[in-house]
Every structure is written in C-alpha cells, then in structure tokens.
Protein backbone atom coordinates (compact mmCIF):
# COMPACT_ATOMS: atom_id res chain seq x y z
CA MET A 1 4.59 20.35 -14.52
CA THR A 2 4.87 16.71 -15.62
CA VAL A 3 4.44 13.91 -13.14
CA GLU A 4 4.95 10.29 -14.20
CA LEU A 5 4.30 7.27 -12.00
CA HIS A 6 5.91 4.12 -13.26
CA GLY A 7 4.26 1.07 -11.68
CA TYR A 8 2.80 -2.39 -12.03
CA GLN A 9 -1.03 -2.61 -12.12
CA TYR A 10 -1.21 -5.21 -9.37
CA SER A 11 1.57 -3.92 -7.15
CA VAL A 12 0.42 -2.92 -3.67
CA TYR A 13 3.26 -0.38 -3.45
CA SER A 14 2.20 1.15 -6.76
CA TRP A 15 -1.28 1.38 -5.36
CA ILE A 16 0.11 3.25 -2.31
CA ALA A 17 1.91 5.74 -4.55
CA ARG A 18 -1.22 6.26 -6.69
CA LEU A 19 -3.34 6.77 -3.55
CA ALA A 20 -0.99 9.46 -2.23
CA LEU A 21 -1.05 11.28 -5.59
CA HIS A 22 -4.87 11.05 -5.68
CA GLU A 23 -5.28 12.31 -2.15
CA LYS A 24 -3.02 15.25 -2.90
CA GLY A 25 -4.96 15.94 -6.17
CA VAL A 26 -1.82 15.62 -8.30
CA MET A 27 -2.49 14.79 -11.95
CA HIS A 28 -0.04 12.30 -13.29
CA ASN A 29 0.71 9.98 -16.16
CA TRP A 30 0.62 6.27 -15.42
CA ILE A 31 3.37 4.19 -17.12
CA GLU A 32 2.93 0.44 -16.79
CA VAL A 33 6.08 -1.49 -15.91
CA ASN A 34 6.01 -5.21 -15.24
CA PRO A 35 9.03 -5.85 -12.97
CA PHE A 36 8.61 -9.61 -13.51
CA SER A 37 9.15 -9.27 -17.26
CA GLU A 38 12.45 -10.39 -18.79
CA ASN A 39 12.38 -7.31 -20.97
CA VAL A 40 12.09 -4.45 -18.58
CA PRO A 41 13.00 -1.29 -20.62
CA ALA A 42 16.59 -0.09 -20.21
CA SER A 43 15.19 3.41 -19.68
CA TYR A 44 13.29 2.24 -16.61
CA LEU A 45 16.36 0.38 -15.24
CA ALA A 46 18.28 3.61 -15.51
CA THR A 47 15.64 5.08 -13.19
CA HIS A 48 15.30 2.12 -10.86
CA PRO A 49 18.41 -0.10 -11.02
CA PHE A 50 16.84 -2.67 -8.70
CA LYS A 51 14.03 -3.48 -11.12
CA ARG A 52 11.15 -2.82 -8.65
CA VAL A 53 8.12 -0.56 -8.72
CA PRO A 54 7.07 2.19 -8.26
CA ALA A 55 9.22 5.06 -9.40
CA LEU A 56 8.14 8.72 -9.72
CA VAL A 57 9.46 11.23 -12.21
CA HIS A 58 8.65 14.92 -11.64
CA ASN A 59 10.06 17.02 -14.40
CA ALA A 60 13.76 16.06 -14.31
CA PHE A 61 13.66 14.64 -10.79
CA ALA A 62 13.35 10.83 -10.36
CA VAL A 63 12.83 9.01 -7.09
CA TYR A 64 12.07 5.43 -6.14
CA GLU A 65 11.18 3.63 -2.85
CA THR A 66 7.57 4.14 -1.95
CA GLY A 67 8.15 5.94 1.36
CA ALA A 68 10.44 8.36 -0.33
CA ILE A 69 7.85 8.87 -3.15
CA THR A 70 4.92 9.51 -0.84
CA ARG A 71 6.87 11.87 1.44
CA TYR A 72 8.10 13.77 -1.61
CA VAL A 73 4.59 14.03 -3.05
CA ASP A 74 3.34 15.42 0.34
CA GLU A 75 6.08 17.91 0.61
CA ALA A 76 6.38 19.03 -3.08
CA PHE A 77 2.65 19.74 -3.58
CA ASP A 78 0.13 21.80 -1.76
CA VAL A 79 -2.55 20.84 0.76
CA PRO A 80 -3.86 18.61 2.17
CA LYS A 81 -0.75 17.91 4.20
CA LEU A 82 -0.31 14.14 4.83
CA GLN A 83 2.32 14.24 7.55
CA PRO A 84 1.59 15.38 11.04
CA THR A 85 3.51 18.37 12.38
CA GLU A 86 3.13 17.48 16.09
CA PRO A 87 6.28 15.46 16.96
CA ARG A 88 4.53 12.45 18.55
CA GLU A 89 1.94 12.11 15.82
CA ARG A 90 4.66 12.43 13.16
CA ALA A 91 6.76 9.77 14.91
CA ARG A 92 3.76 7.49 15.06
CA CYS A 93 3.04 8.06 11.35
CA ASN A 94 6.65 7.17 10.46
CA GLN A 95 6.49 4.17 12.84
CA ILE A 96 3.39 2.77 11.19
CA MET A 97 4.89 3.20 7.67
CA SER A 98 7.93 1.27 8.84
CA ILE A 99 5.84 -1.48 10.40
CA VAL A 100 3.94 -1.81 7.13
CA ASP A 101 7.18 -2.20 5.12
CA SER A 102 9.08 -4.42 7.59
CA TYR A 103 6.42 -6.67 9.08
CA ALA A 104 2.99 -6.33 7.30
CA TYR A 105 3.79 -6.59 3.62
CA TRP A 106 5.18 -10.12 3.54
CA PRO A 107 2.45 -12.04 5.51
CA LEU A 108 -0.50 -9.91 4.53
CA VAL A 109 0.24 -9.53 0.84
CA ARG A 110 3.00 -11.90 -0.35
CA GLN A 111 1.71 -14.83 1.57
CA VAL A 112 -2.03 -14.57 2.35
CA PHE A 113 -3.29 -12.42 -0.53
CA SER A 114 -0.94 -13.79 -3.14
CA HIS A 115 -1.54 -17.49 -2.42
CA ARG A 116 -5.20 -17.30 -1.41
CA VAL A 117 -6.49 -14.72 -3.88
CA PHE A 118 -4.11 -13.56 -6.61
CA ARG A 119 -2.46 -16.75 -7.72
CA PRO A 120 -5.65 -18.81 -7.95
CA ALA A 121 -7.16 -16.01 -10.13
CA LEU A 122 -4.23 -16.34 -12.55
CA ARG A 123 -4.21 -20.13 -12.25
CA ARG A 124 -0.78 -20.07 -10.87
CA PRO A 125 0.56 -22.61 -8.38
CA VAL A 126 -0.52 -21.99 -4.85
CA GLU A 127 1.37 -23.06 -1.71
CA GLU A 128 -1.05 -23.55 1.18
CA SER A 129 1.98 -23.55 3.50
CA GLU A 130 2.58 -19.90 2.57
CA VAL A 131 -0.98 -19.00 3.45
CA GLU A 132 -0.66 -20.79 6.76
CA ARG A 133 2.58 -19.00 7.65
CA GLY A 134 1.01 -15.67 6.67
CA LEU A 135 -1.97 -16.32 8.89
CA GLU A 136 0.29 -17.27 11.74
CA SER A 137 2.32 -13.98 11.48
CA ALA A 138 -0.61 -11.67 10.65
CA PRO A 139 -2.15 -11.53 14.19
CA ARG A 140 1.07 -10.15 15.69
CA VAL A 141 1.25 -7.42 13.07
CA LEU A 142 -2.46 -6.48 13.54
CA ALA A 143 -2.12 -6.50 17.30
CA ALA A 144 0.88 -4.17 17.18
CA LEU A 145 -1.03 -1.75 14.93
CA GLU A 146 -4.06 -1.99 17.06
CA THR A 147 -2.00 -1.01 20.10
CA ILE A 148 -0.49 2.12 18.59
CA ALA A 149 -3.47 3.29 16.51
CA GLY A 150 -4.74 6.60 17.79
CA GLN A 151 -8.22 7.23 19.18
CA GLY A 152 -9.17 9.51 16.34
CA GLN A 153 -10.76 8.80 13.02
CA TYR A 154 -7.41 7.96 11.47
CA LEU A 155 -4.32 6.09 12.60
CA THR A 156 -2.47 9.13 13.87
CA GLY A 157 -5.35 11.42 14.84
CA GLU A 158 -8.24 13.28 13.26
CA ASP A 159 -6.48 13.87 9.88
CA LEU A 160 -5.59 11.38 7.15
CA SER A 161 -1.86 10.75 7.02
CA LEU A 162 0.72 8.76 5.11
CA ALA A 163 0.28 6.06 7.79
CA ASP A 164 -3.34 5.46 6.53
CA ILE A 165 -2.17 5.64 2.86
CA HIS A 166 0.55 3.00 3.42
CA LEU A 167 -1.56 0.59 5.38
CA ALA A 168 -4.89 0.79 3.56
CA PRO A 169 -3.80 -0.95 0.35
CA MET A 170 -2.14 -3.76 2.36
CA ILE A 171 -5.36 -4.28 4.29
CA GLY A 172 -7.38 -3.93 1.09
CA TYR A 173 -5.60 -6.96 -0.37
CA PHE A 174 -5.48 -8.90 2.85
CA VAL A 175 -9.19 -8.81 3.50
CA LEU A 176 -9.99 -10.27 0.09
CA ALA A 177 -8.95 -13.54 1.66
CA PRO A 178 -11.82 -14.69 4.00
CA GLU A 179 -9.27 -15.61 6.68
CA GLY A 180 -7.74 -12.16 6.46
CA LEU A 181 -11.09 -10.44 6.92
CA ALA A 182 -11.88 -12.68 9.89
CA LEU A 183 -8.57 -11.76 11.55
CA LEU A 184 -9.02 -8.02 10.97
CA GLN A 185 -12.46 -8.13 12.52
CA LYS A 186 -11.00 -9.30 15.80
CA HIS A 187 -9.16 -5.92 16.19
CA ILE A 188 -11.76 -3.31 17.14
CA ARG A 189 -9.99 -0.11 16.26
CA LEU A 190 -8.37 -1.40 13.10
CA ASN A 191 -11.66 -2.88 11.94
CA ARG A 192 -13.48 0.38 12.64
CA TRP A 193 -10.77 2.32 10.85
CA TRP A 194 -10.96 -0.01 7.83
CA SER A 195 -14.80 0.12 7.66
CA ALA A 196 -14.57 3.95 7.26
CA LEU A 197 -11.53 4.10 5.04
CA SER A 198 -12.62 1.32 2.64
CA GLY A 199 -15.34 3.51 1.25
CA ARG A 200 -13.10 6.52 0.68
CA THR A 201 -13.28 7.89 -2.85
CA ALA A 202 -9.52 7.94 -3.44
CA LEU A 203 -9.06 4.39 -2.27
CA LEU A 204 -11.78 3.10 -4.58
CA ALA A 205 -10.60 5.18 -7.48
CA THR A 206 -7.07 3.77 -7.29
CA MET A 207 -7.92 0.20 -6.37
CA PRO A 208 -6.38 -2.27 -8.90
CA GLN A 209 -8.80 -4.30 -11.07
CA LEU A 210 -7.76 -7.76 -10.16
CA PRO A 211 -8.29 -10.73 -12.49
CA GLN A 212 -11.33 -12.85 -11.74
CA ALA A 213 -10.83 -16.30 -10.36
CA PRO A 214 -12.14 -19.09 -12.62
CA GLN A 215 -15.49 -20.56 -11.61
C-alpha cells in the first residue's frame, strides 16, 4: 500500500489532509508542491489540473479536493471512524465542513492570518484593509459555528470527526493573530473546544513550521 500526499508546506488545506491521515494512523509519503510556482511539474498538473493543493494518490487512485480526500481516507482505512453514523450528527459534520470551506477560509486564513502573520514573516506586502475586512467577517462565522457546535467534547458529539479536523487548522492559523485569538475567546463553546484540541498530539505533529517574523 502506497499513499502519497502532495501538498504545500504552508497550505491550511494540506494541513487538514495531513491531520486526517495522522488521526487515522495512515503512513504516507509527503511530496512538496508549491502551487504558486511557475514551474509546477506536469505530472502534478495531470493529477490536479487546477494547480491547487492537496492531492492524494493511493496506489493507482488519485483524488483532489480536501473534503473528498478526508472522506476517502476515513472510508478507505480502518478505525477510528471520523464520520458520525447517526444522521443528525453526520449532517452537522458535513454542514461544518461546508461552512469552513465556504465562509471561514477566506476571512480567517486568507485575510487575517495571511496579512497579519504570514506575509509579515516573509516580508511581503501587507494590506491592512484585508485584515480589517477579515475581522469584520470573522465574528459572523464564529457565531454560526458556536450556535451549531454540539455540547460534547467535540463539534458533533463525544467523538472526533472530520468537522473538527477541517476547522482546527483554520482556527490554528487564525489565533496566531492577536485579534483572531481575542475574537475566538468571546465564543465560549468554540474557545473551550479549541483549548482542548490545540494540545492534541496529531494537531501538533502536523502543524506547519512557519517562517519567523523579522525582529
């Protein structure tokens, strides 16, 4: 059995895929792909024609789109199962994953994290207006997640699910910005969830090593 994960070291979606593989205990080979490079290998573009990351190759089967990857990983490999079987919990899991992709990624990661944390570390141009717009949009996203989060230890109940795996890296990047951490702390259930999940072995083991901001 050969599993390859093609991803970019700083990509939050690559982090999500790595986290799912780690939680499932699936050994895999990491293949670095920089989607921002002008010279992305033709072999990778044959796997992912849209020049994004990540992509997973399991023997002769290739799949891209993070939600498809994590669901495949959960269903193709043994326990622990990461998708609830109870219909309402499974629906909630899928709903949270969709919220993460549709509404959380852009303000939390592309706006706040990128322009407050990542770009300064790389000495790239920063747009404060992007941070401001992200901070304006983030409370609505956090409030929606706070409303639908379950009362158990995890977002959909007492067991870790793909909902947690998809949201955790987004929050992990978001709270590196002081304003992001302050906003999260205003949401009791989400903040309690993150306080517990942020110390989880798999999350720490897969967390990207970000460049250090110049002093």
